[in-house]
Amino acid sequence: MVFDSLINFKNYINLHPQFRDVYNFLLNNNTKDIPFGKHKVNTLGCFAGVDEYITKVPSEGFIEFHRKYIDVQIILQGAEKIGICHKDSTSELEFDEEKDFGKLKGKTDFITLRENYFVIFFPHDGHMPQLNEGSIPARVKKMVIKVPVEEKYSD
């Protein structure tokens, strides 16, 4: 897991071959005004999804993980608490290969993701997003950039 300010994203572009494309996508788009929906980041399978939701209490959430994609999560408006854990410290409940989405059971620590910050979750990172920052639910606009774990090559 990586948790840092967006102004430092360039420091992480060598962690994965497609992180440079993510960095360029962020530089070339006004993220505050990016519309809801799916956006192509490159031709190698990397894409961004922009959504809006109301945060919830931890008892309504669950720990998730992915095998095929790395998540780069960026808060565009608002703030949320995210439960975090290492997958090895949990029990796997289920996994949907087609959706690349699994659920885990275990304990988490928490971080608060605010505007102008990002977090990168790798396949070994469990995460429970969309939680109330405080005691009151709040509206959050968030971008999740999905980066394929395995490099795909274009012809």
N, C-alpha and C. Protein backbone atom coordinates (compact mmCIF):
# COMPACT_ATOMS: atom_id res chain seq x y z
N MET A 1 0.84 -1.17 0.00
CA MET A 1 0.00 0.00 0.00
C MET A 1 0.89 1.24 0.00
N VAL A 2 0.44 2.24 -0.73
CA VAL A 2 1.10 3.55 -0.74
C VAL A 2 0.03 4.57 -0.41
N PHE A 3 0.32 5.50 0.49
CA PHE A 3 -0.61 6.56 0.88
C PHE A 3 0.19 7.86 0.88
N ASP A 4 -0.22 8.83 0.02
CA ASP A 4 0.57 10.04 -0.10
C ASP A 4 -0.26 11.15 -0.75
N SER A 5 0.34 12.32 -0.85
CA SER A 5 -0.26 13.46 -1.51
C SER A 5 -0.14 13.30 -3.02
N LEU A 6 -1.14 13.78 -3.76
CA LEU A 6 -1.10 13.69 -5.22
C LEU A 6 0.12 14.39 -5.81
N ILE A 7 0.59 15.44 -5.18
CA ILE A 7 1.75 16.14 -5.74
C ILE A 7 2.99 15.24 -5.74
N ASN A 8 2.97 14.16 -4.98
CA ASN A 8 4.10 13.23 -4.93
C ASN A 8 3.92 11.99 -5.79
N PHE A 9 2.82 11.90 -6.56
CA PHE A 9 2.57 10.68 -7.33
C PHE A 9 3.74 10.35 -8.26
N LYS A 10 4.38 11.37 -8.80
CA LYS A 10 5.51 11.15 -9.72
C LYS A 10 6.61 10.31 -9.08
N ASN A 11 6.70 10.33 -7.75
CA ASN A 11 7.73 9.55 -7.06
C ASN A 11 7.48 8.04 -7.12
N TYR A 12 6.29 7.64 -7.57
CA TYR A 12 5.91 6.23 -7.57
C TYR A 12 5.77 5.64 -8.97
N ILE A 13 6.09 6.41 -10.01
CA ILE A 13 5.84 5.91 -11.38
C ILE A 13 6.70 4.71 -11.74
N ASN A 14 7.77 4.47 -11.01
CA ASN A 14 8.61 3.30 -11.31
C ASN A 14 8.13 2.03 -10.62
N LEU A 15 7.07 2.10 -9.83
CA LEU A 15 6.56 0.90 -9.16
C LEU A 15 5.85 -0.05 -10.13
N HIS A 16 5.35 0.48 -11.24
CA HIS A 16 4.64 -0.32 -12.24
C HIS A 16 4.76 0.38 -13.58
N PRO A 17 4.94 -0.37 -14.67
CA PRO A 17 5.12 0.26 -15.98
C PRO A 17 3.97 1.20 -16.39
N GLN A 18 2.76 0.95 -15.92
CA GLN A 18 1.63 1.80 -16.32
C GLN A 18 1.38 2.99 -15.39
N PHE A 19 2.13 3.09 -14.30
CA PHE A 19 1.94 4.24 -13.40
C PHE A 19 2.34 5.56 -14.06
N ARG A 20 3.22 5.52 -15.05
CA ARG A 20 3.55 6.75 -15.80
C ARG A 20 2.31 7.22 -16.57
N ASP A 21 1.55 6.27 -17.15
CA ASP A 21 0.31 6.63 -17.84
C ASP A 21 -0.71 7.20 -16.87
N VAL A 22 -0.78 6.65 -15.67
CA VAL A 22 -1.68 7.18 -14.64
C VAL A 22 -1.27 8.61 -14.31
N TYR A 23 0.01 8.84 -14.12
CA TYR A 23 0.51 10.17 -13.82
C TYR A 23 0.15 11.16 -14.93
N ASN A 24 0.36 10.77 -16.19
CA ASN A 24 0.02 11.64 -17.32
C ASN A 24 -1.48 11.89 -17.40
N PHE A 25 -2.28 10.88 -17.11
CA PHE A 25 -3.74 11.04 -17.10
C PHE A 25 -4.14 12.09 -16.05
N LEU A 26 -3.54 12.01 -14.88
CA LEU A 26 -3.85 12.97 -13.82
C LEU A 26 -3.40 14.39 -14.19
N LEU A 27 -2.25 14.50 -14.86
CA LEU A 27 -1.76 15.81 -15.28
C LEU A 27 -2.63 16.44 -16.37
N ASN A 28 -3.16 15.59 -17.26
CA ASN A 28 -3.88 16.08 -18.44
C ASN A 28 -5.38 16.20 -18.24
N ASN A 29 -5.88 15.92 -17.07
CA ASN A 29 -7.31 16.02 -16.79
C ASN A 29 -7.54 16.84 -15.53
N ASN A 30 -8.53 17.70 -15.59
CA ASN A 30 -8.93 18.46 -14.40
C ASN A 30 -9.77 17.51 -13.56
N THR A 31 -9.15 16.87 -12.59
CA THR A 31 -9.84 15.82 -11.84
C THR A 31 -11.06 16.33 -11.08
N LYS A 32 -11.06 17.61 -10.71
CA LYS A 32 -12.22 18.17 -9.99
C LYS A 32 -13.48 18.14 -10.85
N ASP A 33 -13.31 18.29 -12.18
CA ASP A 33 -14.45 18.37 -13.09
C ASP A 33 -14.65 17.12 -13.95
N ILE A 34 -13.87 16.09 -13.70
CA ILE A 34 -13.99 14.89 -14.53
C ILE A 34 -15.37 14.28 -14.33
N PRO A 35 -16.06 13.93 -15.42
CA PRO A 35 -17.43 13.42 -15.29
C PRO A 35 -17.48 12.00 -14.71
N PHE A 36 -18.65 11.67 -14.20
CA PHE A 36 -18.88 10.32 -13.69
C PHE A 36 -18.76 9.31 -14.83
N GLY A 37 -18.40 8.09 -14.48
CA GLY A 37 -18.31 7.03 -15.47
C GLY A 37 -16.90 6.50 -15.64
N LYS A 38 -16.72 5.73 -16.72
CA LYS A 38 -15.46 5.06 -17.01
C LYS A 38 -14.67 5.86 -18.04
N HIS A 39 -13.35 5.99 -17.79
CA HIS A 39 -12.47 6.76 -18.65
C HIS A 39 -11.23 5.93 -18.99
N LYS A 40 -10.89 5.87 -20.26
CA LYS A 40 -9.72 5.14 -20.72
C LYS A 40 -8.46 5.91 -20.33
N VAL A 41 -7.51 5.23 -19.69
CA VAL A 41 -6.25 5.84 -19.31
C VAL A 41 -5.17 5.55 -20.36
N ASN A 42 -5.18 4.34 -20.89
CA ASN A 42 -4.24 3.96 -21.95
C ASN A 42 -4.84 2.82 -22.76
N THR A 43 -4.07 2.29 -23.70
CA THR A 43 -4.56 1.18 -24.54
C THR A 43 -4.15 -0.18 -23.98
N LEU A 44 -3.60 -0.19 -22.79
CA LEU A 44 -3.10 -1.42 -22.19
C LEU A 44 -4.00 -1.97 -21.09
N GLY A 45 -5.24 -1.51 -21.04
CA GLY A 45 -6.19 -2.04 -20.07
C GLY A 45 -6.36 -1.23 -18.80
N CYS A 46 -5.70 -0.10 -18.70
CA CYS A 46 -5.81 0.77 -17.53
C CYS A 46 -6.97 1.74 -17.74
N PHE A 47 -7.84 1.86 -16.74
CA PHE A 47 -9.00 2.75 -16.85
C PHE A 47 -9.32 3.37 -15.50
N ALA A 48 -10.06 4.47 -15.56
CA ALA A 48 -10.49 5.17 -14.34
C ALA A 48 -12.00 5.15 -14.26
N GLY A 49 -12.51 4.92 -13.08
CA GLY A 49 -13.95 5.02 -12.81
C GLY A 49 -14.20 6.14 -11.83
N VAL A 50 -15.16 7.00 -12.14
CA VAL A 50 -15.49 8.11 -11.26
C VAL A 50 -16.92 7.90 -10.77
N ASP A 51 -17.10 7.98 -9.45
CA ASP A 51 -18.40 7.71 -8.85
C ASP A 51 -18.61 8.66 -7.67
N GLU A 52 -19.85 8.72 -7.22
CA GLU A 52 -20.21 9.51 -6.05
C GLU A 52 -21.10 8.65 -5.16
N TYR A 53 -20.95 8.78 -3.86
CA TYR A 53 -21.72 7.97 -2.92
C TYR A 53 -21.76 8.65 -1.56
N ILE A 54 -22.57 8.09 -0.68
CA ILE A 54 -22.65 8.53 0.71
C ILE A 54 -21.87 7.53 1.55
N THR A 55 -20.99 8.04 2.42
CA THR A 55 -20.19 7.15 3.28
C THR A 55 -21.08 6.42 4.29
N LYS A 56 -20.51 5.39 4.90
CA LYS A 56 -21.28 4.53 5.81
C LYS A 56 -20.44 4.17 7.02
N VAL A 57 -21.08 3.55 8.00
CA VAL A 57 -20.38 3.09 9.20
C VAL A 57 -19.65 1.77 8.89
N PRO A 58 -18.57 1.46 9.59
CA PRO A 58 -17.81 0.25 9.31
C PRO A 58 -18.64 -1.04 9.36
N SER A 59 -19.65 -1.11 10.21
CA SER A 59 -20.47 -2.33 10.29
C SER A 59 -21.24 -2.60 9.00
N GLU A 60 -21.39 -1.58 8.15
CA GLU A 60 -22.07 -1.75 6.85
C GLU A 60 -21.07 -2.05 5.73
N GLY A 61 -19.78 -2.01 6.03
CA GLY A 61 -18.76 -2.24 5.02
C GLY A 61 -18.19 -3.64 5.10
N PHE A 62 -17.23 -3.91 4.24
CA PHE A 62 -16.53 -5.19 4.24
C PHE A 62 -15.14 -4.96 3.64
N ILE A 63 -14.24 -5.86 3.96
CA ILE A 63 -12.88 -5.78 3.43
C ILE A 63 -12.88 -6.44 2.05
N GLU A 64 -12.32 -5.73 1.07
CA GLU A 64 -12.26 -6.26 -0.29
C GLU A 64 -10.81 -6.37 -0.75
N PHE A 65 -10.62 -7.12 -1.84
CA PHE A 65 -9.31 -7.22 -2.47
C PHE A 65 -9.50 -7.59 -3.93
N HIS A 66 -8.43 -7.44 -4.70
CA HIS A 66 -8.45 -7.73 -6.14
C HIS A 66 -7.19 -8.52 -6.49
N ARG A 67 -7.28 -9.32 -7.52
CA ARG A 67 -6.12 -10.09 -7.97
C ARG A 67 -5.56 -9.57 -9.30
N LYS A 68 -6.42 -9.12 -10.21
CA LYS A 68 -5.98 -8.73 -11.55
C LYS A 68 -5.64 -7.25 -11.67
N TYR A 69 -6.15 -6.42 -10.74
CA TYR A 69 -5.94 -4.98 -10.84
C TYR A 69 -5.39 -4.40 -9.54
N ILE A 70 -4.57 -3.39 -9.71
CA ILE A 70 -4.11 -2.53 -8.63
C ILE A 70 -5.07 -1.35 -8.59
N ASP A 71 -5.51 -0.93 -7.42
CA ASP A 71 -6.39 0.24 -7.28
C ASP A 71 -5.55 1.47 -6.92
N VAL A 72 -5.76 2.54 -7.67
CA VAL A 72 -5.26 3.86 -7.28
C VAL A 72 -6.51 4.67 -6.95
N GLN A 73 -6.74 4.93 -5.67
CA GLN A 73 -7.96 5.61 -5.24
C GLN A 73 -7.65 7.06 -4.88
N ILE A 74 -8.47 7.96 -5.44
CA ILE A 74 -8.26 9.40 -5.27
C ILE A 74 -9.59 10.05 -4.90
N ILE A 75 -9.63 10.77 -3.81
CA ILE A 75 -10.82 11.53 -3.43
C ILE A 75 -10.83 12.83 -4.22
N LEU A 76 -11.91 13.07 -4.95
CA LEU A 76 -12.05 14.30 -5.73
C LEU A 76 -12.80 15.37 -4.95
N GLN A 77 -13.77 14.94 -4.14
CA GLN A 77 -14.52 15.85 -3.26
C GLN A 77 -14.91 15.10 -2.00
N GLY A 78 -14.66 15.72 -0.85
CA GLY A 78 -15.04 15.11 0.41
C GLY A 78 -13.86 14.40 1.07
N ALA A 79 -14.18 13.47 1.95
CA ALA A 79 -13.18 12.67 2.66
C ALA A 79 -13.85 11.39 3.14
N GLU A 80 -13.06 10.34 3.28
CA GLU A 80 -13.58 9.08 3.80
C GLU A 80 -12.50 8.37 4.59
N LYS A 81 -12.95 7.55 5.50
CA LYS A 81 -12.06 6.66 6.24
C LYS A 81 -12.02 5.35 5.46
N ILE A 82 -10.84 4.72 5.43
CA ILE A 82 -10.67 3.44 4.74
C ILE A 82 -10.00 2.47 5.70
N GLY A 83 -10.62 1.31 5.87
CA GLY A 83 -9.99 0.24 6.64
C GLY A 83 -8.90 -0.39 5.79
N ILE A 84 -7.77 -0.69 6.40
CA ILE A 84 -6.65 -1.29 5.67
C ILE A 84 -6.10 -2.48 6.44
N CYS A 85 -5.64 -3.48 5.69
CA CYS A 85 -5.00 -4.64 6.31
C CYS A 85 -4.20 -5.39 5.26
N HIS A 86 -3.30 -6.21 5.72
CA HIS A 86 -2.57 -7.10 4.81
C HIS A 86 -3.43 -8.34 4.64
N LYS A 87 -3.57 -8.79 3.41
CA LYS A 87 -4.43 -9.94 3.10
C LYS A 87 -4.04 -11.18 3.90
N ASP A 88 -2.76 -11.34 4.19
CA ASP A 88 -2.30 -12.52 4.93
C ASP A 88 -2.81 -12.57 6.37
N SER A 89 -3.29 -11.44 6.89
CA SER A 89 -3.79 -11.41 8.27
C SER A 89 -5.31 -11.60 8.33
N THR A 90 -5.91 -12.02 7.22
CA THR A 90 -7.36 -12.18 7.14
C THR A 90 -7.71 -13.58 6.63
N SER A 91 -9.01 -13.84 6.57
CA SER A 91 -9.52 -15.07 5.96
C SER A 91 -10.31 -14.68 4.71
N GLU A 92 -10.08 -15.40 3.63
CA GLU A 92 -10.80 -15.12 2.39
C GLU A 92 -12.18 -15.75 2.47
N LEU A 93 -13.22 -14.96 2.21
CA LEU A 93 -14.59 -15.44 2.24
C LEU A 93 -15.06 -15.90 0.87
N GLU A 94 -14.78 -15.08 -0.14
CA GLU A 94 -15.23 -15.41 -1.50
C GLU A 94 -14.44 -14.58 -2.49
N PHE A 95 -14.43 -15.04 -3.76
CA PHE A 95 -13.80 -14.27 -4.83
C PHE A 95 -14.53 -14.52 -6.13
N ASP A 96 -14.86 -13.44 -6.84
CA ASP A 96 -15.51 -13.51 -8.14
C ASP A 96 -14.45 -13.19 -9.19
N GLU A 97 -13.97 -14.22 -9.90
CA GLU A 97 -12.92 -14.05 -10.91
C GLU A 97 -13.32 -13.06 -12.00
N GLU A 98 -14.56 -13.17 -12.47
CA GLU A 98 -15.03 -12.32 -13.56
C GLU A 98 -15.02 -10.84 -13.17
N LYS A 99 -15.42 -10.53 -11.95
CA LYS A 99 -15.46 -9.14 -11.48
C LYS A 99 -14.15 -8.71 -10.81
N ASP A 100 -13.22 -9.67 -10.62
CA ASP A 100 -11.97 -9.40 -9.90
C ASP A 100 -12.26 -8.72 -8.57
N PHE A 101 -13.08 -9.41 -7.77
CA PHE A 101 -13.55 -8.81 -6.53
C PHE A 101 -13.71 -9.90 -5.47
N GLY A 102 -12.98 -9.73 -4.37
CA GLY A 102 -13.08 -10.69 -3.29
C GLY A 102 -13.38 -10.02 -1.98
N LYS A 103 -13.93 -10.80 -1.04
CA LYS A 103 -14.22 -10.31 0.31
C LYS A 103 -13.36 -11.07 1.31
N LEU A 104 -12.94 -10.34 2.34
CA LEU A 104 -12.10 -10.88 3.40
C LEU A 104 -12.77 -10.68 4.75
N LYS A 105 -12.37 -11.50 5.72
CA LYS A 105 -12.83 -11.34 7.10
C LYS A 105 -11.59 -11.13 7.95
N GLY A 106 -11.64 -10.09 8.77
CA GLY A 106 -10.51 -9.81 9.64
C GLY A 106 -10.60 -8.42 10.24
N LYS A 107 -9.53 -8.00 10.86
CA LYS A 107 -9.48 -6.68 11.49
C LYS A 107 -8.71 -5.71 10.60
N THR A 108 -9.06 -4.43 10.73
CA THR A 108 -8.38 -3.40 9.94
C THR A 108 -7.87 -2.28 10.84
N ASP A 109 -6.87 -1.59 10.35
CA ASP A 109 -6.50 -0.29 10.87
C ASP A 109 -7.18 0.71 9.94
N PHE A 110 -7.06 2.01 10.20
CA PHE A 110 -7.77 2.99 9.38
C PHE A 110 -6.88 4.14 8.98
N ILE A 111 -7.13 4.64 7.78
CA ILE A 111 -6.53 5.89 7.30
C ILE A 111 -7.69 6.78 6.86
N THR A 112 -7.43 8.07 6.76
CA THR A 112 -8.42 9.00 6.23
C THR A 112 -7.90 9.54 4.91
N LEU A 113 -8.67 9.33 3.87
CA LEU A 113 -8.31 9.80 2.53
C LEU A 113 -9.09 11.07 2.25
N ARG A 114 -8.34 12.14 2.00
CA ARG A 114 -8.94 13.46 1.76
C ARG A 114 -8.62 13.92 0.34
N GLU A 115 -9.23 15.02 -0.06
CA GLU A 115 -8.95 15.61 -1.36
C GLU A 115 -7.45 15.85 -1.49
N ASN A 116 -6.96 15.64 -2.71
CA ASN A 116 -5.56 15.85 -3.06
C ASN A 116 -4.62 14.79 -2.48
N TYR A 117 -5.17 13.67 -2.03
CA TYR A 117 -4.37 12.54 -1.59
C TYR A 117 -4.78 11.30 -2.37
N PHE A 118 -3.93 10.29 -2.35
CA PHE A 118 -4.25 9.03 -3.03
C PHE A 118 -3.75 7.87 -2.19
N VAL A 119 -4.28 6.71 -2.51
CA VAL A 119 -3.81 5.47 -1.91
C VAL A 119 -3.74 4.44 -3.03
N ILE A 120 -2.71 3.63 -3.01
CA ILE A 120 -2.55 2.54 -3.98
C ILE A 120 -2.69 1.23 -3.21
N PHE A 121 -3.63 0.40 -3.67
CA PHE A 121 -3.82 -0.92 -3.07
C PHE A 121 -3.38 -1.98 -4.07
N PHE A 122 -2.44 -2.81 -3.66
CA PHE A 122 -1.94 -3.91 -4.46
C PHE A 122 -2.74 -5.17 -4.10
N PRO A 123 -2.58 -6.27 -4.86
CA PRO A 123 -3.37 -7.48 -4.58
C PRO A 123 -3.23 -8.04 -3.16
N HIS A 124 -2.15 -7.77 -2.48
CA HIS A 124 -1.99 -8.28 -1.10
C HIS A 124 -2.58 -7.34 -0.05
N ASP A 125 -3.18 -6.23 -0.50
CA ASP A 125 -3.75 -5.24 0.42
C ASP A 125 -5.27 -5.38 0.50
N GLY A 126 -5.77 -5.67 1.69
CA GLY A 126 -7.21 -5.62 1.91
C GLY A 126 -7.60 -4.18 2.22
N HIS A 127 -8.78 -3.79 1.75
CA HIS A 127 -9.23 -2.42 2.01
C HIS A 127 -10.75 -2.37 2.15
N MET A 128 -11.20 -1.53 3.07
CA MET A 128 -12.63 -1.32 3.33
C MET A 128 -12.90 0.17 3.12
N PRO A 129 -13.27 0.55 1.87
CA PRO A 129 -13.47 1.97 1.55
C PRO A 129 -14.87 2.45 1.90
N GLN A 130 -15.09 3.74 1.65
CA GLN A 130 -16.41 4.39 1.73
C GLN A 130 -16.95 4.52 3.14
N LEU A 131 -16.08 4.66 4.14
CA LEU A 131 -16.53 4.77 5.52
C LEU A 131 -16.60 6.23 5.96
N ASN A 132 -17.51 6.51 6.89
CA ASN A 132 -17.64 7.86 7.44
C ASN A 132 -16.30 8.31 8.02
N GLU A 133 -15.94 9.55 7.71
CA GLU A 133 -14.74 10.11 8.33
C GLU A 133 -15.00 10.39 9.81
N GLY A 134 -16.17 10.89 10.11
CA GLY A 134 -16.57 11.15 11.49
C GLY A 134 -17.80 10.32 11.81
N SER A 135 -18.73 10.91 12.54
CA SER A 135 -19.93 10.17 12.93
C SER A 135 -21.10 10.38 11.97
N ILE A 136 -20.94 11.31 11.02
CA ILE A 136 -22.04 11.64 10.11
C ILE A 136 -21.70 11.22 8.69
N PRO A 137 -22.61 10.52 8.00
CA PRO A 137 -22.36 10.18 6.59
C PRO A 137 -22.17 11.46 5.76
N ALA A 138 -21.34 11.34 4.73
CA ALA A 138 -21.05 12.48 3.88
C ALA A 138 -20.98 12.04 2.41
N ARG A 139 -21.21 12.98 1.51
CA ARG A 139 -21.12 12.71 0.08
C ARG A 139 -19.65 12.79 -0.34
N VAL A 140 -19.21 11.80 -1.12
CA VAL A 140 -17.84 11.72 -1.60
C VAL A 140 -17.86 11.49 -3.11
N LYS A 141 -17.00 12.20 -3.81
CA LYS A 141 -16.75 11.93 -5.24
C LYS A 141 -15.34 11.36 -5.30
N LYS A 142 -15.23 10.19 -5.94
CA LYS A 142 -13.96 9.46 -5.91
C LYS A 142 -13.64 8.90 -7.29
N MET A 143 -12.35 8.87 -7.59
CA MET A 143 -11.86 8.22 -8.79
C MET A 143 -11.04 7.00 -8.37
N VAL A 144 -11.33 5.87 -8.99
CA VAL A 144 -10.52 4.67 -8.78
C VAL A 144 -9.93 4.29 -10.13
N ILE A 145 -8.62 4.33 -10.21
CA ILE A 145 -7.92 3.95 -11.43
C ILE A 145 -7.49 2.50 -11.27
N LYS A 146 -7.91 1.69 -12.23
CA LYS A 146 -7.61 0.26 -12.23
C LYS A 146 -6.42 0.01 -13.15
N VAL A 147 -5.34 -0.50 -12.57
CA VAL A 147 -4.11 -0.77 -13.31
C VAL A 147 -3.90 -2.28 -13.35
N PRO A 148 -3.86 -2.87 -14.56
CA PRO A 148 -3.65 -4.32 -14.62
C PRO A 148 -2.35 -4.72 -13.94
N VAL A 149 -2.42 -5.78 -13.13
CA VAL A 149 -1.23 -6.27 -12.44
C VAL A 149 -0.22 -6.76 -13.46
N GLU A 150 -0.70 -7.53 -14.44
CA GLU A 150 0.18 -8.04 -15.49
C GLU A 150 0.20 -7.08 -16.65
N GLU A 151 1.40 -6.84 -17.17
CA GLU A 151 1.57 -5.91 -18.28
C GLU A 151 0.97 -6.50 -19.56
N LYS A 152 0.17 -5.69 -20.24
CA LYS A 152 -0.38 -6.07 -21.55
C LYS A 152 0.34 -5.24 -22.59
N TYR A 153 0.58 -5.82 -23.72
CA TYR A 153 1.31 -5.11 -24.77
C TYR A 153 0.40 -4.89 -25.97
N SER A 154 0.44 -3.70 -26.51
CA SER A 154 -0.36 -3.41 -27.70
C SER A 154 0.44 -3.80 -28.94
N ASP A 155 -0.27 -4.14 -30.00
CA ASP A 155 0.39 -4.54 -31.26
C ASP A 155 0.77 -3.35 -32.10
